Amino acid sequence: LQLVESGGGLVQPGGSLRLSCAASESVDPVNIGWFRQVGKEREGLACISKKTIGRTDYGDSAKGRFLAFRDNSKNTVILQMNSLQPYDTAPYYCGVGGKRCSPDPDEYDYWGQGIQVTVSS
């Protein structure tokens, strides 16, 4: 399984970005997480559970501002990010795996290469 993130870049404070994570095969039977690297830690932002479970969980940093969902027609998951602030600046990653959705990056088996998001005026 290969994952490729896209959609990052530079945005002004208060702006929005839409990140995509394209998978080389169907993501219906797996959990997909969105993370960002903050220093040495990889912070969990959102996790979309297997399609049969149909649940999405959000980390505190993402609640109320970010929306994660599948685009099943394209084997892709989306992270819509709104009201971005300078503290959201980071590399962002998608990951796949785990028996359950978790904010722990060690639960994930596959990772994309990451995409930079920079929030600055």
C-alpha atoms as a PDB file:
ATOM      1  CA  LEU A   1       0.000   0.000   0.000  1.00  0.00           C
ATOM      2  CA  GLN A   2       1.327   3.402  -0.985  1.00  0.00           C
ATOM      3  CA  LEU A   3       0.037   6.737   0.207  1.00  0.00           C
ATOM      4  CA  VAL A   4       0.637  10.135  -1.349  1.00  0.00           C
ATOM      5  CA  GLU A   5      -0.397  13.400   0.289  1.00  0.00           C
ATOM      6  CA  SER A   6      -1.107  16.549  -1.687  1.00  0.00           C
ATOM      7  CA  GLY A   7      -2.744  19.934  -1.284  1.00  0.00           C
ATOM      8  CA  GLY A   8      -0.391  21.571   1.175  1.00  0.00           C
ATOM      9  CA  GLY A   9       1.182  24.964   0.812  1.00  0.00           C
ATOM     10  CA  LEU A  10       1.132  28.501   2.176  1.00  0.00           C
ATOM     11  CA  VAL A  11      -2.060  30.036   3.500  1.00  0.00           C
ATOM     12  CA  GLN A  12      -2.844  33.183   5.455  1.00  0.00           C
ATOM     13  CA  PRO A  13      -4.176  33.011   9.019  1.00  0.00           C
ATOM     14  CA  GLY A  14      -7.896  32.312   8.983  1.00  0.00           C
ATOM     15  CA  GLY A  15      -7.677  30.585   5.632  1.00  0.00           C
ATOM     16  CA  SER A  16      -8.424  27.027   4.542  1.00  0.00           C
ATOM     17  CA  LEU A  17      -6.622  24.167   2.887  1.00  0.00           C
ATOM     18  CA  ARG A  18      -7.759  20.786   1.659  1.00  0.00           C
ATOM     19  CA  LEU A  19      -5.290  17.948   1.965  1.00  0.00           C
ATOM     20  CA  SER A  20      -5.691  14.714   0.028  1.00  0.00           C
ATOM     21  CA  CYS A  21      -4.232  11.305   0.735  1.00  0.00           C
ATOM     22  CA  ALA A  22      -4.334   9.069  -2.335  1.00  0.00           C
ATOM     23  CA  ALA A  23      -3.965   5.337  -1.757  1.00  0.00           C
ATOM     24  CA  SER A  24      -2.743   2.754  -4.251  1.00  0.00           C
ATOM     25  CA  GLU A  25      -5.675   0.502  -3.355  1.00  0.00           C
ATOM     26  CA  SER A  26      -9.058   0.673  -1.713  1.00  0.00           C
ATOM     27  CA  VAL A  27      -9.103   2.216   1.740  1.00  0.00           C
ATOM     28  CA  ASP A  28     -12.556   0.888   2.609  1.00  0.00           C
ATOM     29  CA  PRO A  29     -11.310  -1.940   4.844  1.00  0.00           C
ATOM     30  CA  VAL A  30      -8.709   0.046   6.779  1.00  0.00           C
ATOM     31  CA  ASN A  31      -8.437   2.831   9.322  1.00  0.00           C
ATOM     32  CA  ILE A  32      -6.880   6.041   8.013  1.00  0.00           C
ATOM     33  CA  GLY A  33      -5.378   8.658  10.256  1.00  0.00           C
ATOM     34  CA  TRP A  34      -4.251  12.234   9.693  1.00  0.00           C
ATOM     35  CA  PHE A  35      -1.297  13.451  11.744  1.00  0.00           C
ATOM     36  CA  ARG A  36       1.109  16.333  11.905  1.00  0.00           C
ATOM     37  CA  GLN A  37       4.663  16.484  13.157  1.00  0.00           C
ATOM     38  CA  VAL A  38       5.133  18.805  16.110  1.00  0.00           C
ATOM     39  CA  GLY A  39       8.734  18.686  17.181  1.00  0.00           C
ATOM     40  CA  LYS A  40       9.534  15.059  17.859  1.00  0.00           C
ATOM     41  CA  GLU A  41       5.897  14.102  18.319  1.00  0.00           C
ATOM     42  CA  ARG A  42       3.433  13.042  15.656  1.00  0.00           C
ATOM     43  CA  GLU A  43       0.099  14.478  16.735  1.00  0.00           C
ATOM     44  CA  GLY A  44      -3.121  12.664  15.812  1.00  0.00           C
ATOM     45  CA  LEU A  45      -5.676  14.962  14.191  1.00  0.00           C
ATOM     46  CA  ALA A  46      -8.349  12.656  12.830  1.00  0.00           C
ATOM     47  CA  CYS A  47      -9.013   9.014  12.191  1.00  0.00           C
ATOM     48  CA  ILE A  48     -11.516   7.595   9.728  1.00  0.00           C
ATOM     49  CA  SER A  49     -12.435   4.077  10.724  1.00  0.00           C
ATOM     50  CA  LYS A  50     -13.087   1.175   8.383  1.00  0.00           C
ATOM     51  CA  LYS A  51     -16.058   1.764   6.152  1.00  0.00           C
ATOM     52  CA  THR A  52     -18.033  -0.988   7.914  1.00  0.00           C
ATOM     53  CA  ILE A  53     -17.720   0.966  11.177  1.00  0.00           C
ATOM     54  CA  GLY A  54     -18.265   4.364   9.621  1.00  0.00           C
ATOM     55  CA  ARG A  55     -16.877   6.577  12.333  1.00  0.00           C
ATOM     56  CA  THR A  56     -14.489   9.516  12.391  1.00  0.00           C
ATOM     57  CA  ASP A  57     -12.706  10.661  15.541  1.00  0.00           C
ATOM     58  CA  TYR A  58     -10.902  13.966  15.999  1.00  0.00           C
ATOM     59  CA  GLY A  59      -8.074  15.126  18.189  1.00  0.00           C
ATOM     60  CA  ASP A  60      -8.482  18.250  20.263  1.00  0.00           C
ATOM     61  CA  SER A  61      -6.507  20.383  17.804  1.00  0.00           C
ATOM     62  CA  ALA A  62      -8.849  19.431  14.972  1.00  0.00           C
ATOM     63  CA  LYS A  63     -12.257  19.512  16.636  1.00  0.00           C
ATOM     64  CA  GLY A  64     -14.509  22.189  15.198  1.00  0.00           C
ATOM     65  CA  ARG A  65     -12.030  23.241  12.508  1.00  0.00           C
ATOM     66  CA  PHE A  66     -11.037  20.154  10.518  1.00  0.00           C
ATOM     67  CA  LEU A  67     -13.182  17.660   8.672  1.00  0.00           C
ATOM     68  CA  ALA A  68     -11.938  14.242   7.516  1.00  0.00           C
ATOM     69  CA  PHE A  69     -13.776  12.048   5.076  1.00  0.00           C
ATOM     70  CA  ARG A  70     -13.388   9.452   2.339  1.00  0.00           C
ATOM     71  CA  ASP A  71     -13.677  10.064  -1.363  1.00  0.00           C
ATOM     72  CA  ASN A  72     -14.353   6.457  -2.192  1.00  0.00           C
ATOM     73  CA  SER A  73     -14.493   6.953  -5.897  1.00  0.00           C
ATOM     74  CA  LYS A  74     -10.807   7.846  -5.906  1.00  0.00           C
ATOM     75  CA  ASN A  75      -9.346   5.716  -3.067  1.00  0.00           C
ATOM     76  CA  THR A  76      -8.657   9.023  -1.384  1.00  0.00           C
ATOM     77  CA  VAL A  77      -9.208  10.566   2.008  1.00  0.00           C
ATOM     78  CA  ILE A  78      -9.555  14.270   2.552  1.00  0.00           C
ATOM     79  CA  LEU A  79      -8.660  16.569   5.417  1.00  0.00           C
ATOM     80  CA  GLN A  80     -10.487  19.865   5.077  1.00  0.00           C
ATOM     81  CA  MET A  81      -8.810  22.398   7.334  1.00  0.00           C
ATOM     82  CA  ASN A  82     -10.498  25.688   8.186  1.00  0.00           C
ATOM     83  CA  SER A  83      -9.612  28.668  10.377  1.00  0.00           C
ATOM     84  CA  LEU A  84      -5.937  27.860  10.101  1.00  0.00           C
ATOM     85  CA  GLN A  85      -3.520  29.624  12.406  1.00  0.00           C
ATOM     86  CA  PRO A  86       0.261  29.926  12.521  1.00  0.00           C
ATOM     87  CA  TYR A  87       0.431  27.171  15.140  1.00  0.00           C
ATOM     88  CA  ASP A  88      -1.000  24.790  12.538  1.00  0.00           C
ATOM     89  CA  THR A  89       2.224  25.086  10.559  1.00  0.00           C
ATOM     90  CA  ALA A  90       3.746  21.608  10.270  1.00  0.00           C
ATOM     91  CA  PRO A  91       4.315  18.678   7.958  1.00  0.00           C
ATOM     92  CA  TYR A  92       1.090  16.678   7.678  1.00  0.00           C
ATOM     93  CA  TYR A  93       0.900  12.921   7.149  1.00  0.00           C
ATOM     94  CA  CYS A  94      -1.705  10.286   6.486  1.00  0.00           C
ATOM     95  CA  GLY A  95      -1.308   6.790   7.833  1.00  0.00           C
ATOM     96  CA  VAL A  96      -3.086   3.478   7.411  1.00  0.00           C
ATOM     97  CA  GLY A  97      -3.392   0.471   9.646  1.00  0.00           C
ATOM     98  CA  GLY A  98      -4.213  -0.570  13.145  1.00  0.00           C
ATOM     99  CA  LYS A  99      -6.937  -2.710  14.559  1.00  0.00           C
ATOM    100  CA  ARG A 100      -8.780   0.401  15.611  1.00  0.00           C
ATOM    101  CA  CYS A 101      -8.631   4.136  15.171  1.00  0.00           C
ATOM    102  CA  SER A 102      -6.066   5.614  17.508  1.00  0.00           C
ATOM    103  CA  PRO A 103      -4.166   8.889  18.024  1.00  0.00           C
ATOM    104  CA  ASP A 104      -1.032   6.798  18.621  1.00  0.00           C
ATOM    105  CA  PRO A 105       1.119   6.838  15.462  1.00  0.00           C
ATOM    106  CA  ASP A 106       2.685   3.509  16.496  1.00  0.00           C
ATOM    107  CA  GLU A 107      -0.640   1.880  15.683  1.00  0.00           C
ATOM    108  CA  TYR A 108      -0.206   2.660  11.977  1.00  0.00           C
ATOM    109  CA  ASP A 109       1.662   0.530   9.472  1.00  0.00           C
ATOM    110  CA  TYR A 110       1.892   2.668   6.337  1.00  0.00           C
ATOM    111  CA  TRP A 111       2.665   6.339   5.902  1.00  0.00           C
ATOM    112  CA  GLY A 112       2.745   8.892   3.157  1.00  0.00           C
ATOM    113  CA  GLN A 113       5.802  11.064   2.601  1.00  0.00           C
ATOM    114  CA  GLY A 114       4.187  14.085   4.228  1.00  0.00           C
ATOM    115  CA  ILE A 115       3.151  17.492   2.939  1.00  0.00           C
ATOM    116  CA  GLN A 116       4.087  20.877   4.345  1.00  0.00           C
ATOM    117  CA  VAL A 117       1.422  23.289   5.531  1.00  0.00           C
ATOM    118  CA  THR A 118       2.557  26.814   6.369  1.00  0.00           C
ATOM    119  CA  VAL A 119       0.229  29.394   7.866  1.00  0.00           C
ATOM    120  CA  SER A 120       1.667  32.879   7.711  1.00  0.00           C
ATOM    121  CA  SER A 121       0.791  36.405   6.706  1.00  0.00           C
END
